[in-house]
Amino acid sequence: MTPDEQEAVFSVAQIVFFNTVNLIVTVTGYGAFVLGTIIAVVSLRRRTWGRSQTILLVCLLVIFTCFTWDVFYSGGFNVTDIRYTFVKTSSEGLVAQIEAADRKTLVWQYMPSWAATVNLLLSDCIVVWRAWILFQDEKFWKISLAVLMIANIGVNVADCIWGNIELSVEIASSTTLDWLSSIISLTVNIFATFLIAFKAWCHEAAEAE
C-alpha cells in the first residue's frame, strides 16, 4: 500500500468512525423520540378533539417523519460508504474504490438538509403561531410576523436547493444563503418570543392595577 493510499484509508476511516458514532446517537435519540410521540398521541386521544388537536397531531406526524428520514439517511449513508470503500474491492485500486464510494453515497447527501429544514421551519411556525394568536387584533404585528415567516421559508428552501445544486456540480462551499438562513430563523424566533413576552408583561401589569 502506497503512502497516498494509507493517507486515504486513514481519512476515510475517520469519516466512517464519526458517521458511526453519529448513527448510534441518532438511533438512541430516535428511540426516546418514538416513546415521547406515542405518549403525546395517547394524551391527545383522551381530550375532546378540535382544530388545535388536529394541528398538533399534524405537527407531530411531520416531525416524526422528518426524524425517521434523518435516521434512514444516517444508516443508509454509513452502510453504503463502508460497503463500497472497504467491502467491495476494485481491481483498479483503493483510490478507485473510494471514488466509487463517493459516487454511490452522493444520492444520500441530498437528504439531510431537507429533513432538518422542515423541522426548523415547523418549530419557527409554532412560535410565530403563538405570537399571532396573542396579537389577533393588531394588524401591524400580524403582518410583520407573516412577512418574516415567509422570508424565512423562502431563504431556507432556497438554501436547500442551492445545496443540492452544489452537490450536482461537485462544489463544496459556504454560501451567503447558509448563514442568512440561520440568521433569519433566529430573527423570527427572537421577534416572536419578544412579542409573546411583551404580551405577558402587559397582561401582568393590567392585573396588578
C-alpha atoms as a PDB file:
ATOM      1  CA  MET A   1       0.000   0.000   0.000  1.00  0.00           C
ATOM      2  CA  THR A   2       1.427   3.360  -1.061  1.00  0.00           C
ATOM      3  CA  PRO A   3       1.659   6.352   1.303  1.00  0.00           C
ATOM      4  CA  ASP A   4      -1.132   8.069  -0.642  1.00  0.00           C
ATOM      5  CA  GLU A   5      -3.379   5.048  -0.186  1.00  0.00           C
ATOM      6  CA  GLN A   6      -2.546   4.870   3.531  1.00  0.00           C
ATOM      7  CA  GLU A   7      -3.468   8.533   3.923  1.00  0.00           C
ATOM      8  CA  ALA A   8      -6.713   7.975   2.002  1.00  0.00           C
ATOM      9  CA  VAL A   9      -7.638   4.982   4.191  1.00  0.00           C
ATOM     10  CA  PHE A  10      -6.904   6.949   7.359  1.00  0.00           C
ATOM     11  CA  SER A  11      -9.030   9.879   6.176  1.00  0.00           C
ATOM     12  CA  VAL A  12     -11.964   7.672   5.157  1.00  0.00           C
ATOM     13  CA  ALA A  13     -11.734   5.651   8.390  1.00  0.00           C
ATOM     14  CA  GLN A  14     -12.031   8.855  10.418  1.00  0.00           C
ATOM     15  CA  ILE A  15     -15.158   9.841   8.490  1.00  0.00           C
ATOM     16  CA  VAL A  16     -16.679   6.363   8.897  1.00  0.00           C
ATOM     17  CA  PHE A  17     -15.952   6.403  12.632  1.00  0.00           C
ATOM     18  CA  PHE A  18     -17.590   9.815  13.032  1.00  0.00           C
ATOM     19  CA  ASN A  19     -20.616   8.722  10.987  1.00  0.00           C
ATOM     20  CA  THR A  20     -20.963   5.534  13.059  1.00  0.00           C
ATOM     21  CA  VAL A  21     -20.932   7.471  16.330  1.00  0.00           C
ATOM     22  CA  ASN A  22     -23.442   9.911  14.859  1.00  0.00           C
ATOM     23  CA  LEU A  23     -25.668   6.992  13.822  1.00  0.00           C
ATOM     24  CA  ILE A  24     -25.575   5.491  17.334  1.00  0.00           C
ATOM     25  CA  VAL A  25     -26.524   8.837  18.900  1.00  0.00           C
ATOM     26  CA  THR A  26     -29.257   9.411  16.300  1.00  0.00           C
ATOM     27  CA  VAL A  27     -30.815   5.971  16.766  1.00  0.00           C
ATOM     28  CA  THR A  28     -30.731   6.348  20.568  1.00  0.00           C
ATOM     29  CA  GLY A  29     -32.426   9.723  20.314  1.00  0.00           C
ATOM     30  CA  TYR A  30     -34.909   8.291  17.837  1.00  0.00           C
ATOM     31  CA  GLY A  31     -35.940   5.597  20.329  1.00  0.00           C
ATOM     32  CA  ALA A  32     -36.608   8.218  23.006  1.00  0.00           C
ATOM     33  CA  PHE A  33     -38.464  10.355  20.463  1.00  0.00           C
ATOM     34  CA  VAL A  34     -40.725   7.460  19.423  1.00  0.00           C
ATOM     35  CA  LEU A  35     -41.630   6.890  23.062  1.00  0.00           C
ATOM     36  CA  GLY A  36     -42.415  10.578  23.517  1.00  0.00           C
ATOM     37  CA  THR A  37     -44.501  10.639  20.339  1.00  0.00           C
ATOM     38  CA  ILE A  38     -46.568   7.652  21.493  1.00  0.00           C
ATOM     39  CA  ILE A  39     -47.214   9.330  24.856  1.00  0.00           C
ATOM     40  CA  ALA A  40     -48.238  12.570  23.121  1.00  0.00           C
ATOM     41  CA  VAL A  41     -50.638  10.790  20.734  1.00  0.00           C
ATOM     42  CA  VAL A  42     -52.224   8.809  23.587  1.00  0.00           C
ATOM     43  CA  SER A  43     -52.734  12.005  25.603  1.00  0.00           C
ATOM     44  CA  LEU A  44     -54.357  13.632  22.570  1.00  0.00           C
ATOM     45  CA  ARG A  45     -56.867  10.796  22.284  1.00  0.00           C
ATOM     46  CA  ARG A  46     -58.061  11.440  25.846  1.00  0.00           C
ATOM     47  CA  ARG A  47     -59.048  15.023  25.073  1.00  0.00           C
ATOM     48  CA  THR A  48     -62.028  16.485  23.249  1.00  0.00           C
ATOM     49  CA  TRP A  49     -60.999  16.613  19.606  1.00  0.00           C
ATOM     50  CA  GLY A  50     -60.842  20.019  17.941  1.00  0.00           C
ATOM     51  CA  ARG A  51     -58.867  22.076  15.443  1.00  0.00           C
ATOM     52  CA  SER A  52     -55.928  22.653  17.807  1.00  0.00           C
ATOM     53  CA  GLN A  53     -55.612  18.901  18.440  1.00  0.00           C
ATOM     54  CA  THR A  54     -55.657  18.256  14.688  1.00  0.00           C
ATOM     55  CA  ILE A  55     -52.908  20.829  14.096  1.00  0.00           C
ATOM     56  CA  LEU A  56     -50.836  19.357  16.916  1.00  0.00           C
ATOM     57  CA  LEU A  57     -51.247  15.846  15.518  1.00  0.00           C
ATOM     58  CA  VAL A  58     -50.158  17.006  12.061  1.00  0.00           C
ATOM     59  CA  CYS A  59     -47.094  18.695  13.565  1.00  0.00           C
ATOM     60  CA  LEU A  60     -46.213  15.524  15.467  1.00  0.00           C
ATOM     61  CA  LEU A  61     -46.546  13.408  12.320  1.00  0.00           C
ATOM     62  CA  VAL A  62     -44.386  15.785  10.273  1.00  0.00           C
ATOM     63  CA  ILE A  63     -41.677  15.884  12.950  1.00  0.00           C
ATOM     64  CA  PHE A  64     -41.825  12.092  13.292  1.00  0.00           C
ATOM     65  CA  THR A  65     -41.488  11.677   9.515  1.00  0.00           C
ATOM     66  CA  CYS A  66     -38.508  14.043   9.332  1.00  0.00           C
ATOM     67  CA  PHE A  67     -36.784  12.348  12.269  1.00  0.00           C
ATOM     68  CA  THR A  68     -37.361   8.931  10.662  1.00  0.00           C
ATOM     69  CA  TRP A  69     -35.993  10.343   7.411  1.00  0.00           C
ATOM     70  CA  ASP A  70     -32.839  11.505   9.226  1.00  0.00           C
ATOM     71  CA  VAL A  71     -32.313   8.071  10.816  1.00  0.00           C
ATOM     72  CA  PHE A  72     -32.815   6.400   7.430  1.00  0.00           C
ATOM     73  CA  TYR A  73     -30.252   8.744   5.889  1.00  0.00           C
ATOM     74  CA  SER A  74     -27.674   8.225   8.657  1.00  0.00           C
ATOM     75  CA  GLY A  75     -27.904   4.433   8.438  1.00  0.00           C
ATOM     76  CA  GLY A  76     -28.086   4.204   4.659  1.00  0.00           C
ATOM     77  CA  PHE A  77     -25.213   6.587   4.057  1.00  0.00           C
ATOM     78  CA  ASN A  78     -22.922   4.824   6.529  1.00  0.00           C
ATOM     79  CA  VAL A  79     -23.680   1.314   5.269  1.00  0.00           C
ATOM     80  CA  THR A  80     -23.236   2.358   1.630  1.00  0.00           C
ATOM     81  CA  ASP A  81     -19.964   4.136   2.385  1.00  0.00           C
ATOM     82  CA  ILE A  82     -18.497   1.144   4.254  1.00  0.00           C
ATOM     83  CA  ARG A  83     -19.665  -1.340   1.625  1.00  0.00           C
ATOM     84  CA  TYR A  84     -18.124   0.395  -1.390  1.00  0.00           C
ATOM     85  CA  THR A  85     -14.986   1.625   0.404  1.00  0.00           C
ATOM     86  CA  PHE A  86     -13.877  -1.420   2.414  1.00  0.00           C
ATOM     87  CA  VAL A  87     -16.024  -4.432   1.472  1.00  0.00           C
ATOM     88  CA  LYS A  88     -16.455  -4.297  -2.276  1.00  0.00           C
ATOM     89  CA  THR A  89     -12.941  -4.360  -3.764  1.00  0.00           C
ATOM     90  CA  SER A  90     -11.906  -2.970  -7.131  1.00  0.00           C
ATOM     91  CA  SER A  91      -9.184  -4.184  -9.467  1.00  0.00           C
ATOM     92  CA  GLU A  92      -8.276  -0.543 -10.135  1.00  0.00           C
ATOM     93  CA  GLY A  93      -7.022   0.003  -6.592  1.00  0.00           C
ATOM     94  CA  LEU A  94      -8.041   1.618  -3.343  1.00  0.00           C
ATOM     95  CA  VAL A  95      -8.344   5.143  -4.743  1.00  0.00           C
ATOM     96  CA  ALA A  96     -10.842   3.877  -7.329  1.00  0.00           C
ATOM     97  CA  GLN A  97     -12.810   2.194  -4.523  1.00  0.00           C
ATOM     98  CA  ILE A  98     -13.014   5.450  -2.583  1.00  0.00           C
ATOM     99  CA  GLU A  99     -14.112   7.335  -5.716  1.00  0.00           C
ATOM    100  CA  ALA A 100     -16.778   4.690  -6.364  1.00  0.00           C
ATOM    101  CA  ALA A 101     -17.989   5.015  -2.778  1.00  0.00           C
ATOM    102  CA  ASP A 102     -18.252   8.789  -3.211  1.00  0.00           C
ATOM    103  CA  ARG A 103     -20.415   8.304  -6.298  1.00  0.00           C
ATOM    104  CA  LYS A 104     -22.631   5.737  -4.579  1.00  0.00           C
ATOM    105  CA  THR A 105     -23.175   7.888  -1.479  1.00  0.00           C
ATOM    106  CA  LEU A 106     -23.882  11.050  -3.477  1.00  0.00           C
ATOM    107  CA  VAL A 107     -27.621  10.357  -3.622  1.00  0.00           C
ATOM    108  CA  TRP A 108     -27.759  10.103   0.177  1.00  0.00           C
ATOM    109  CA  GLN A 109     -26.211  13.551   0.565  1.00  0.00           C
ATOM    110  CA  TYR A 110     -29.296  15.213  -0.921  1.00  0.00           C
ATOM    111  CA  MET A 111     -31.455  14.125   2.037  1.00  0.00           C
ATOM    112  CA  PRO A 112     -30.298  15.565   5.397  1.00  0.00           C
ATOM    113  CA  SER A 113     -30.688  19.278   4.659  1.00  0.00           C
ATOM    114  CA  TRP A 114     -34.366  18.923   3.733  1.00  0.00           C
ATOM    115  CA  ALA A 115     -35.367  16.976   6.852  1.00  0.00           C
ATOM    116  CA  ALA A 116     -33.550  19.422   9.125  1.00  0.00           C
ATOM    117  CA  THR A 117     -35.045  22.420   7.314  1.00  0.00           C
ATOM    118  CA  VAL A 118     -38.602  21.093   7.570  1.00  0.00           C
ATOM    119  CA  ASN A 119     -38.204  20.575  11.325  1.00  0.00           C
ATOM    120  CA  LEU A 120     -36.634  24.027  11.708  1.00  0.00           C
ATOM    121  CA  LEU A 121     -39.407  25.760   9.784  1.00  0.00           C
ATOM    122  CA  LEU A 122     -42.069  23.828  11.654  1.00  0.00           C
ATOM    123  CA  SER A 123     -40.668  24.910  15.022  1.00  0.00           C
ATOM    124  CA  ASP A 124     -40.484  28.506  13.765  1.00  0.00           C
ATOM    125  CA  CYS A 125     -44.101  28.300  12.594  1.00  0.00           C
ATOM    126  CA  ILE A 126     -45.221  27.119  16.035  1.00  0.00           C
ATOM    127  CA  VAL A 127     -43.520  30.071  17.753  1.00  0.00           C
ATOM    128  CA  VAL A 128     -44.948  32.527  15.209  1.00  0.00           C
ATOM    129  CA  TRP A 129     -48.418  30.981  15.560  1.00  0.00           C
ATOM    130  CA  ARG A 130     -48.324  31.525  19.329  1.00  0.00           C
ATOM    131  CA  ALA A 131     -47.446  35.200  18.850  1.00  0.00           C
ATOM    132  CA  TRP A 132     -50.073  35.525  16.087  1.00  0.00           C
ATOM    133  CA  ILE A 133     -52.825  34.257  18.415  1.00  0.00           C
ATOM    134  CA  LEU A 134     -51.881  36.823  21.059  1.00  0.00           C
ATOM    135  CA  PHE A 135     -51.945  39.714  18.557  1.00  0.00           C
ATOM    136  CA  GLN A 136     -55.071  38.800  16.561  1.00  0.00           C
ATOM    137  CA  ASP A 137     -56.454  42.351  16.730  1.00  0.00           C
ATOM    138  CA  GLU A 138     -53.186  44.146  15.898  1.00  0.00           C
ATOM    139  CA  LYS A 139     -52.663  44.160  12.154  1.00  0.00           C
ATOM    140  CA  PHE A 140     -49.137  45.616  12.117  1.00  0.00           C
ATOM    141  CA  TRP A 141     -47.646  42.846  14.257  1.00  0.00           C
ATOM    142  CA  LYS A 142     -49.513  40.156  12.350  1.00  0.00           C
ATOM    143  CA  ILE A 143     -48.175  41.462   9.032  1.00  0.00           C
ATOM    144  CA  SER A 144     -44.657  41.681  10.484  1.00  0.00           C
ATOM    145  CA  LEU A 145     -44.815  38.066  11.654  1.00  0.00           C
ATOM    146  CA  ALA A 146     -46.187  36.902   8.309  1.00  0.00           C
ATOM    147  CA  VAL A 147     -43.507  38.745   6.293  1.00  0.00           C
ATOM    148  CA  LEU A 148     -40.689  37.400   8.465  1.00  0.00           C
ATOM    149  CA  MET A 149     -42.012  33.845   8.293  1.00  0.00           C
ATOM    150  CA  ILE A 150     -42.485  33.952   4.512  1.00  0.00           C
ATOM    151  CA  ALA A 151     -38.936  35.274   4.110  1.00  0.00           C
ATOM    152  CA  ASN A 152     -37.700  32.570   6.491  1.00  0.00           C
ATOM    153  CA  ILE A 153     -39.363  29.820   4.447  1.00  0.00           C
ATOM    154  CA  GLY A 154     -38.104  31.255   1.156  1.00  0.00           C
ATOM    155  CA  VAL A 155     -34.474  31.616   2.262  1.00  0.00           C
ATOM    156  CA  ASN A 156     -34.295  28.168   3.903  1.00  0.00           C
ATOM    157  CA  VAL A 157     -35.865  26.394   0.919  1.00  0.00           C
ATOM    158  CA  ALA A 158     -33.536  28.286  -1.432  1.00  0.00           C
ATOM    159  CA  ASP A 159     -30.575  27.242   0.734  1.00  0.00           C
ATOM    160  CA  CYS A 160     -31.586  23.576   0.438  1.00  0.00           C
ATOM    161  CA  ILE A 161     -31.989  23.862  -3.331  1.00  0.00           C
ATOM    162  CA  TRP A 162     -28.617  25.557  -3.691  1.00  0.00           C
ATOM    163  CA  GLY A 163     -27.017  22.871  -1.517  1.00  0.00           C
ATOM    164  CA  ASN A 164     -28.352  20.212  -3.893  1.00  0.00           C
ATOM    165  CA  ILE A 165     -27.027  22.157  -6.879  1.00  0.00           C
ATOM    166  CA  GLU A 166     -23.590  22.294  -5.246  1.00  0.00           C
ATOM    167  CA  LEU A 167     -23.657  18.503  -4.875  1.00  0.00           C
ATOM    168  CA  SER A 168     -24.644  18.088  -8.526  1.00  0.00           C
ATOM    169  CA  VAL A 169     -21.713  20.162  -9.776  1.00  0.00           C
ATOM    170  CA  GLU A 170     -19.362  18.808  -7.075  1.00  0.00           C
ATOM    171  CA  ILE A 171     -18.873  22.128  -5.291  1.00  0.00           C
ATOM    172  CA  ALA A 172     -18.471  22.288  -1.536  1.00  0.00           C
ATOM    173  CA  SER A 173     -18.557  25.844  -0.257  1.00  0.00           C
ATOM    174  CA  SER A 174     -20.261  28.048   2.271  1.00  0.00           C
ATOM    175  CA  THR A 175     -22.642  30.491   0.594  1.00  0.00           C
ATOM    176  CA  THR A 176     -24.466  33.603   1.698  1.00  0.00           C
ATOM    177  CA  LEU A 177     -27.644  31.547   1.973  1.00  0.00           C
ATOM    178  CA  ASP A 178     -26.053  29.277   4.587  1.00  0.00           C
ATOM    179  CA  TRP A 179     -25.568  31.976   7.197  1.00  0.00           C
ATOM    180  CA  LEU A 180     -28.563  34.038   6.043  1.00  0.00           C
ATOM    181  CA  SER A 181     -30.935  31.110   6.624  1.00  0.00           C
ATOM    182  CA  SER A 182     -29.648  30.734  10.191  1.00  0.00           C
ATOM    183  CA  ILE A 183     -29.842  34.467  10.899  1.00  0.00           C
ATOM    184  CA  ILE A 184     -33.380  34.910   9.599  1.00  0.00           C
ATOM    185  CA  SER A 185     -34.615  31.842  11.508  1.00  0.00           C
ATOM    186  CA  LEU A 186     -33.054  33.225  14.692  1.00  0.00           C
ATOM    187  CA  THR A 187     -34.603  36.641  13.985  1.00  0.00           C
ATOM    188  CA  VAL A 188     -38.061  35.117  13.576  1.00  0.00           C
ATOM    189  CA  ASN A 189     -37.739  33.262  16.892  1.00  0.00           C
ATOM    190  CA  ILE A 190     -36.429  36.299  18.769  1.00  0.00           C
ATOM    191  CA  PHE A 191     -39.112  38.592  17.342  1.00  0.00           C
ATOM    192  CA  ALA A 192     -41.992  36.184  18.055  1.00  0.00           C
ATOM    193  CA  THR A 193     -40.671  35.390  21.539  1.00  0.00           C
ATOM    194  CA  PHE A 194     -40.319  39.110  22.296  1.00  0.00           C
ATOM    195  CA  LEU A 195     -43.941  39.706  21.282  1.00  0.00           C
ATOM    196  CA  ILE A 196     -45.117  36.841  23.489  1.00  0.00           C
ATOM    197  CA  ALA A 197     -43.074  38.142  26.438  1.00  0.00           C
ATOM    198  CA  PHE A 198     -44.356  41.678  25.852  1.00  0.00           C
ATOM    199  CA  LYS A 199     -47.958  40.464  25.829  1.00  0.00           C
ATOM    200  CA  ALA A 200     -47.389  38.511  29.042  1.00  0.00           C
ATOM    201  CA  TRP A 201     -45.840  41.584  30.686  1.00  0.00           C
ATOM    202  CA  CYS A 202     -48.787  43.762  29.628  1.00  0.00           C
ATOM    203  CA  HIS A 203     -51.224  41.184  30.990  1.00  0.00           C
ATOM    204  CA  GLU A 204     -49.442  41.051  34.365  1.00  0.00           C
ATOM    205  CA  ALA A 205     -49.270  44.856  34.551  1.00  0.00           C
ATOM    206  CA  ALA A 206     -53.006  45.121  33.865  1.00  0.00           C
ATOM    207  CA  GLU A 207     -53.795  42.575  36.588  1.00  0.00           C
ATOM    208  CA  ALA A 208     -51.562  44.410  39.078  1.00  0.00           C
ATOM    209  CA  GLU A 209     -53.544  47.595  38.535  1.00  0.00           C
END
